[in-house]
């Protein structure tokens, strides 16, 4: 089928390569016109996915109209802060081009700071009526650098419409990229967003010179925080124990590819937030997500001690050591059986 991929970062580029390998006709939209031109000539996304060859059969463009012309399906992969503006621009520039689109997949991870909405909720708000109920979320423990090089990876296609989730599963599944379906859209989106904040905390611990015991504690208790907020927002607890929760948290908090972990490590070593952000060519999603997660926790009355301390470090100038000290000197509690309420 003909698929338009909206977003030419590392993940959008990697998924375009995946879709092309399945025999789909792929057009990749790249926001930066100069990067799109360079990618057309070199067949490499040097800025976001270096040293990976893009097949000649993938069309690369900086025109949204061209990207969606004749498309039967769309894949949105812009950063979370740009998703709303990108979708709005698409509707403005090529409103009639969506007539043949059968369903939309979104692989953006994050929470919109201003509205506290998830990516699928943003698209449901903006897309034409027929497509608002035809959105699938694609997420899970994955790095563009690995997927593009055919390293075995398992992720999730989530939709309340089981048939649409299965269509996405079939469209993206390869010998190295295995797709599971899930109907818990909220759980999947909350899990893959909040894990970026916990990964920053793990990176900060690395930067401070702490060890595996510290990181294990942060991941375990961080997962508990993710589950508390997700279930309050309607998710199923078991989703946070799956690929989009625990799986993505493990991958993001421990990988050399993780920009959230690397950013946290730089902050732990003494870099300012501005300096740490400047060192990454890609968006560090956990920075904005920390702000959105704290707001969600306050709105829902959910305690998020680790996420709140990360927010204080990133947005209030608190020292990393002071934040850790505050976490360790909280009131003593029992892990079980009351963990779900604490």
Protein backbone atom coordinates (compact mmCIF):
# COMPACT_ATOMS: atom_id res chain seq x y z
CA UNK A 1 0.00 0.00 0.00
CA UNK A 2 0.99 3.65 -0.29
CA UNK A 3 2.04 5.11 3.07
CA UNK A 4 2.99 8.69 3.92
CA UNK A 5 5.45 9.03 6.81
CA UNK A 6 5.20 12.45 8.48
CA UNK A 7 8.45 13.14 10.32
CA UNK A 8 12.01 12.61 9.12
CA UNK A 9 13.84 12.16 12.41
CA UNK A 10 15.67 8.99 13.28
CA UNK A 11 12.54 6.98 14.13
CA UNK A 12 10.57 8.18 11.10
CA UNK A 13 13.50 7.29 8.87
CA UNK A 14 13.91 3.85 10.45
CA UNK A 15 10.21 3.05 10.13
CA UNK A 16 10.26 4.17 6.50
CA UNK A 17 13.00 1.61 5.89
CA UNK A 18 10.90 -1.02 7.66
CA UNK A 19 7.81 -0.23 5.58
CA UNK A 20 9.80 -0.26 2.34
CA UNK A 21 11.13 -3.71 3.22
CA UNK A 22 7.52 -4.89 3.40
CA UNK A 23 6.94 -3.77 -0.18
CA UNK A 24 4.96 -0.63 0.62
CA UNK A 25 5.29 2.53 -1.46
CA UNK A 26 6.72 4.99 1.07
CA UNK A 27 7.00 8.78 0.96
CA UNK A 28 8.94 10.33 3.85
CA UNK A 29 8.23 13.96 4.77
CA UNK A 30 11.18 15.83 6.27
CA UNK A 31 10.55 19.20 7.93
CA UNK A 32 13.91 20.73 7.03
CA UNK A 33 14.13 21.35 3.27
CA UNK A 34 17.94 21.31 3.28
CA UNK A 35 18.01 17.98 5.11
CA UNK A 36 15.43 16.51 2.70
CA UNK A 37 17.57 17.54 -0.27
CA UNK A 38 20.71 16.10 1.32
CA UNK A 39 18.89 12.85 2.08
CA UNK A 40 17.65 12.60 -1.51
CA UNK A 41 21.18 12.94 -2.84
CA UNK A 42 23.09 10.88 -0.27
CA UNK A 43 20.33 8.41 0.74
CA UNK A 44 21.47 8.88 4.36
CA UNK A 45 19.92 10.90 7.20
CA UNK A 46 23.24 12.18 8.53
CA UNK A 47 21.61 14.41 11.13
CA UNK A 48 19.37 11.88 12.86
CA UNK A 49 20.33 8.38 11.64
CA UNK A 50 23.89 8.41 10.27
CA UNK A 51 25.52 5.50 8.48
CA UNK A 52 22.20 3.88 7.56
CA UNK A 53 21.31 3.62 3.89
CA UNK A 54 17.80 4.69 2.82
CA UNK A 55 16.50 2.63 -0.12
CA UNK A 56 16.15 4.45 -3.44
CA UNK A 57 12.49 3.43 -3.52
CA UNK A 58 11.68 5.62 -0.49
CA UNK A 59 10.58 9.02 -1.80
CA UNK A 60 11.90 11.90 0.32
CA UNK A 61 10.19 15.28 0.29
CA UNK A 62 9.75 18.49 2.27
CA UNK A 63 6.24 18.97 0.81
CA UNK A 64 3.39 17.72 2.97
CA UNK A 65 1.08 17.67 -0.05
CA UNK A 66 3.44 15.35 -1.86
CA UNK A 67 3.89 13.14 1.20
CA UNK A 68 0.17 12.41 1.57
CA UNK A 69 -0.88 12.44 -2.10
CA UNK A 70 -2.67 9.18 -2.81
CA UNK A 71 -1.75 7.73 0.58
CA UNK A 72 -3.83 4.86 1.92
CA UNK A 73 -2.31 5.19 5.38
CA UNK A 74 -0.34 7.83 7.29
CA UNK A 75 2.32 7.44 9.95
CA UNK A 76 2.95 10.46 12.20
CA UNK A 77 6.40 10.58 13.83
CA UNK A 78 7.19 14.22 14.72
CA UNK A 79 8.38 15.16 18.23
CA UNK A 80 5.50 15.50 20.68
CA UNK A 81 5.82 19.30 20.91
CA UNK A 82 5.45 19.55 17.11
CA UNK A 83 2.67 17.01 16.55
CA UNK A 84 -0.25 19.44 16.81
CA UNK A 85 1.36 22.05 14.56
CA UNK A 86 2.37 19.42 12.00
CA UNK A 87 -1.12 17.91 11.81
CA UNK A 88 -2.71 21.37 11.58
CA UNK A 89 -0.31 22.33 8.79
CA UNK A 90 -1.14 19.13 6.91
CA UNK A 91 -4.86 19.86 7.10
CA UNK A 92 -4.26 23.40 5.90
CA UNK A 93 -1.95 22.53 3.01
CA UNK A 94 -3.51 19.30 1.79
CA UNK A 95 -7.03 18.87 3.21
CA UNK A 96 -8.40 16.96 0.22
CA UNK A 97 -5.46 14.56 0.13
CA UNK A 98 -6.75 12.66 3.17
CA UNK A 99 -9.82 11.34 1.36
CA UNK A 100 -8.17 8.01 0.54
CA UNK A 101 -6.51 7.50 3.92
CA UNK A 102 -7.92 4.40 5.61
CA UNK A 103 -6.22 4.75 8.98
CA UNK A 104 -3.52 6.69 10.81
CA UNK A 105 -0.67 5.41 12.95
CA UNK A 106 1.20 7.62 15.42
CA UNK A 107 4.65 6.72 16.77
CA UNK A 108 5.23 9.95 18.71
CA UNK A 109 6.00 9.56 22.42
CA UNK A 110 5.14 12.27 24.93
CA UNK A 111 2.41 14.37 26.53
CA UNK A 112 1.48 17.84 25.31
CA UNK A 113 2.47 20.28 28.05
CA UNK A 114 -0.29 22.84 27.51
CA UNK A 115 -3.25 20.46 27.19
CA UNK A 116 -1.86 17.30 28.91
CA UNK A 117 -3.13 15.28 25.96
CA UNK A 118 -1.58 12.14 24.55
CA UNK A 119 -0.55 11.94 20.84
CA UNK A 120 -3.60 9.93 19.81
CA UNK A 121 -5.86 12.44 21.58
CA UNK A 122 -4.23 15.34 19.72
CA UNK A 123 -4.79 13.67 16.35
CA UNK A 124 -8.36 12.71 17.28
CA UNK A 125 -9.01 16.37 17.99
CA UNK A 126 -7.63 17.57 14.66
CA UNK A 127 -8.21 14.93 11.99
CA UNK A 128 -11.38 14.77 9.86
CA UNK A 129 -14.25 12.87 11.46
CA UNK A 130 -13.81 9.55 9.60
CA UNK A 131 -10.22 9.26 10.81
CA UNK A 132 -10.70 10.32 14.42
CA UNK A 133 -11.72 6.80 15.40
CA UNK A 134 -9.14 5.16 13.14
CA UNK A 135 -5.91 5.91 14.99
CA UNK A 136 -3.34 3.31 16.08
CA UNK A 137 -0.45 3.96 18.46
CA UNK A 138 2.87 2.27 17.63
CA UNK A 139 5.26 2.20 20.60
CA UNK A 140 7.57 0.12 22.73
CA UNK A 141 11.24 -0.58 23.51
CA UNK A 142 12.99 0.42 20.29
CA UNK A 143 15.90 2.48 19.04
CA UNK A 144 15.99 3.78 15.49
CA UNK A 145 19.69 2.91 15.30
CA UNK A 146 18.89 -0.75 15.98
CA UNK A 147 15.65 -1.18 14.04
CA UNK A 148 17.19 0.34 10.90
CA UNK A 149 20.03 -2.19 11.19
CA UNK A 150 17.60 -5.10 11.56
CA UNK A 151 18.38 -5.84 15.19
CA UNK A 152 15.48 -7.91 16.65
CA UNK A 153 12.90 -5.63 18.30
CA UNK A 154 9.39 -6.11 19.73
CA UNK A 155 6.87 -3.27 19.97
CA UNK A 156 3.11 -2.73 20.32
CA UNK A 157 0.30 -1.54 18.04
CA UNK A 158 -2.45 -0.19 20.30
CA UNK A 159 -5.99 0.66 19.30
CA UNK A 160 -9.48 0.18 20.69
CA UNK A 161 -10.30 -1.14 17.21
CA UNK A 162 -8.81 -4.64 17.12
CA UNK A 163 -9.02 -4.85 13.33
CA UNK A 164 -7.01 -1.64 12.90
CA UNK A 165 -4.37 -2.80 15.37
CA UNK A 166 -4.05 -6.01 13.36
CA UNK A 167 -3.72 -4.08 10.07
CA UNK A 168 -0.89 -2.05 11.58
CA UNK A 169 0.66 -5.22 12.94
CA UNK A 170 0.65 -6.73 9.47
CA UNK A 171 1.88 -3.54 7.77
CA UNK A 172 4.97 -3.17 9.97
CA UNK A 173 5.83 -6.75 10.94
CA UNK A 174 9.15 -8.08 9.61
CA UNK A 175 11.57 -10.85 10.51
CA UNK A 176 13.32 -8.47 12.92
CA UNK A 177 10.44 -6.22 14.02
CA UNK A 178 7.70 -8.17 15.79
CA UNK A 179 4.47 -6.32 16.57
CA UNK A 180 2.01 -7.22 19.34
CA UNK A 181 -1.49 -5.74 19.52
CA UNK A 182 -3.07 -4.10 22.57
CA UNK A 183 -6.36 -2.31 23.17
CA UNK A 184 -5.10 -0.26 26.15
CA UNK A 185 -4.20 2.93 24.27
CA UNK A 186 -3.92 5.08 27.40
CA UNK A 187 -1.64 2.59 29.13
CA UNK A 188 0.68 2.31 26.13
CA UNK A 189 0.94 6.07 25.58
CA UNK A 190 1.39 6.95 29.25
CA UNK A 191 3.99 4.21 29.69
CA UNK A 192 6.19 5.23 26.76
CA UNK A 193 5.97 8.90 27.73
CA UNK A 194 6.75 8.64 31.44
CA UNK A 195 9.62 6.21 31.00
CA UNK A 196 11.61 9.05 29.42
CA UNK A 197 11.46 10.97 32.70
CA UNK A 198 12.60 7.96 34.73
CA UNK A 199 15.38 7.39 32.17
CA UNK A 200 16.59 10.94 32.82
CA UNK A 201 16.67 10.10 36.53
CA UNK A 202 18.72 6.98 35.77
CA UNK A 203 21.11 9.05 33.68
CA UNK A 204 21.49 11.60 36.46
CA UNK A 205 22.39 8.76 38.84
CA UNK A 206 25.01 7.57 36.33
CA UNK A 207 26.40 11.09 36.07
CA UNK A 208 26.65 11.35 39.84
CA UNK A 209 28.72 8.16 39.86
CA UNK A 210 26.18 5.91 41.56
CA UNK A 211 25.87 2.21 40.81
CA UNK A 212 23.55 -0.53 39.67
CA UNK A 213 21.72 -0.64 43.00
CA UNK A 214 20.71 3.00 42.63
CA UNK A 215 19.55 2.50 39.06
CA UNK A 216 17.59 -0.63 39.96
CA UNK A 217 15.82 1.28 42.72
CA UNK A 218 15.00 4.19 40.41
CA UNK A 219 13.62 1.92 37.70
CA UNK A 220 11.56 -0.19 40.10
CA UNK A 221 10.07 2.71 42.01
CA UNK A 222 9.78 4.72 38.81
CA UNK A 223 7.74 1.93 37.27
CA UNK A 224 5.46 2.06 40.31
CA UNK A 225 4.92 5.79 39.71
CA UNK A 226 4.18 5.19 36.04
CA UNK A 227 1.62 2.56 37.00
CA UNK A 228 -0.08 4.75 39.61
CA UNK A 229 -0.64 7.59 37.18
CA UNK A 230 -1.53 5.39 34.23
CA UNK A 231 -4.16 3.42 36.12
CA UNK A 232 -5.66 6.64 37.48
CA UNK A 233 -6.03 7.73 33.86
CA UNK A 234 -7.85 4.52 32.92
CA UNK A 235 -5.02 2.19 31.94
CA UNK A 236 -4.73 -1.45 32.93
CA UNK A 237 -1.93 -2.23 35.41
CA UNK A 238 -0.63 -5.14 33.33
CA UNK A 239 0.10 -2.83 30.40
CA UNK A 240 2.81 -1.14 32.47
CA UNK A 241 4.43 -4.54 33.03
CA UNK A 242 4.61 -5.12 29.28
CA UNK A 243 6.58 -3.79 26.33
CA UNK A 244 5.27 -0.22 26.54
CA UNK A 245 5.98 0.05 30.25
CA UNK A 246 8.73 -2.04 31.77
CA UNK A 247 10.17 -2.96 28.38
CA UNK A 248 10.56 0.59 27.14
CA UNK A 249 11.82 1.74 30.53
CA UNK A 250 14.61 -0.86 30.53
CA UNK A 251 15.65 0.03 26.98
CA UNK A 252 15.60 3.78 27.53
CA UNK A 253 17.24 3.87 30.95
CA UNK A 254 20.12 1.57 30.07
CA UNK A 255 20.98 2.08 26.42
CA UNK A 256 23.89 3.98 24.91
CA UNK A 257 21.42 5.08 22.21
CA UNK A 258 19.05 6.74 24.70
CA UNK A 259 19.20 10.52 24.43
CA UNK A 260 17.13 10.85 27.62
CA UNK A 261 19.63 8.80 29.61
CA UNK A 262 22.60 10.62 28.03
CA UNK A 263 20.99 13.98 28.79
CA UNK A 264 20.45 12.96 32.42
CA UNK A 265 24.05 11.78 32.71
CA UNK A 266 25.30 15.16 31.44
CA UNK A 267 23.16 16.94 34.05
CA UNK A 268 24.43 14.59 36.76
CA UNK A 269 28.01 15.42 35.76
CA UNK A 270 27.31 19.12 36.24
CA UNK A 271 26.08 20.41 32.86
CA UNK A 272 23.25 22.91 32.87
CA UNK A 273 19.98 21.84 31.26
CA UNK A 274 20.68 24.22 28.38
CA UNK A 275 24.16 22.79 27.84
CA UNK A 276 22.91 19.19 28.00
CA UNK A 277 20.12 19.91 25.51
CA UNK A 278 22.52 21.64 23.13
CA UNK A 279 24.68 18.51 22.99
CA UNK A 280 21.84 16.44 21.49
CA UNK A 281 20.75 16.90 17.85
CA UNK A 282 17.47 15.17 18.69
CA UNK A 283 14.63 16.21 20.99
CA UNK A 284 14.96 14.98 24.59
CA UNK A 285 11.28 14.19 25.12
CA UNK A 286 11.56 13.60 28.86
CA UNK A 287 12.27 17.27 29.61
CA UNK A 288 8.84 18.49 28.54
CA UNK A 289 7.17 15.27 29.68
CA UNK A 290 8.42 15.86 33.25
CA UNK A 291 6.48 19.11 33.30
CA UNK A 292 3.35 17.52 31.86
CA UNK A 293 3.57 14.50 34.18
CA UNK A 294 3.81 16.65 37.31
CA UNK A 295 0.77 18.63 36.15
CA UNK A 296 -1.14 15.39 35.52
CA UNK A 297 -0.16 14.04 38.93
CA UNK A 298 -1.36 17.20 40.63
CA UNK A 299 -4.61 17.15 38.67
CA UNK A 300 -5.28 13.49 39.47
CA UNK A 301 -3.97 13.56 43.05
CA UNK A 302 -1.22 11.01 42.34
CA UNK A 303 2.11 11.10 44.18
CA UNK A 304 5.11 10.99 41.81
CA UNK A 305 8.22 11.55 43.95
CA UNK A 306 10.89 10.61 41.40
CA UNK A 307 9.22 12.47 38.53
CA UNK A 308 8.68 15.49 40.77
CA UNK A 309 12.38 15.57 41.70
CA UNK A 310 13.43 15.29 38.05
CA UNK A 311 11.10 18.18 37.30
CA UNK A 312 12.66 20.21 40.12
CA UNK A 313 16.16 19.57 38.74
CA UNK A 314 15.23 20.44 35.15
CA UNK A 315 12.76 23.28 35.65
CA UNK A 316 13.45 24.75 39.08
CA UNK A 317 17.24 24.64 39.30
CA UNK A 318 17.43 22.12 42.13
CA UNK A 319 20.74 20.29 42.52
CA UNK A 320 20.75 16.60 41.60
CA UNK A 321 22.33 15.59 44.92
CA UNK A 322 19.72 17.54 46.90
CA UNK A 323 16.96 15.85 44.93
CA UNK A 324 18.36 12.39 45.62
CA UNK A 325 18.77 13.20 49.29
CA UNK A 326 15.15 14.27 49.47
CA UNK A 327 14.04 11.02 47.83
CA UNK A 328 16.03 8.92 50.30
CA UNK A 329 14.81 10.82 53.37
CA UNK A 330 11.09 10.57 52.58
CA UNK A 331 8.87 8.96 55.22
CA UNK A 332 9.56 5.23 55.51
CA UNK A 333 6.90 3.06 53.85
CA UNK A 334 6.01 -0.51 53.03
CA UNK A 335 6.48 -1.71 49.49
CA UNK A 336 3.64 -4.27 49.70
CA UNK A 337 0.75 -4.84 49.91
CA UNK A 338 -0.09 -1.15 49.84
CA UNK A 339 2.31 -0.23 47.02
CA UNK A 340 -0.50 0.55 44.60
CA UNK A 341 -1.81 3.21 46.98
CA UNK A 342 1.57 4.75 47.70
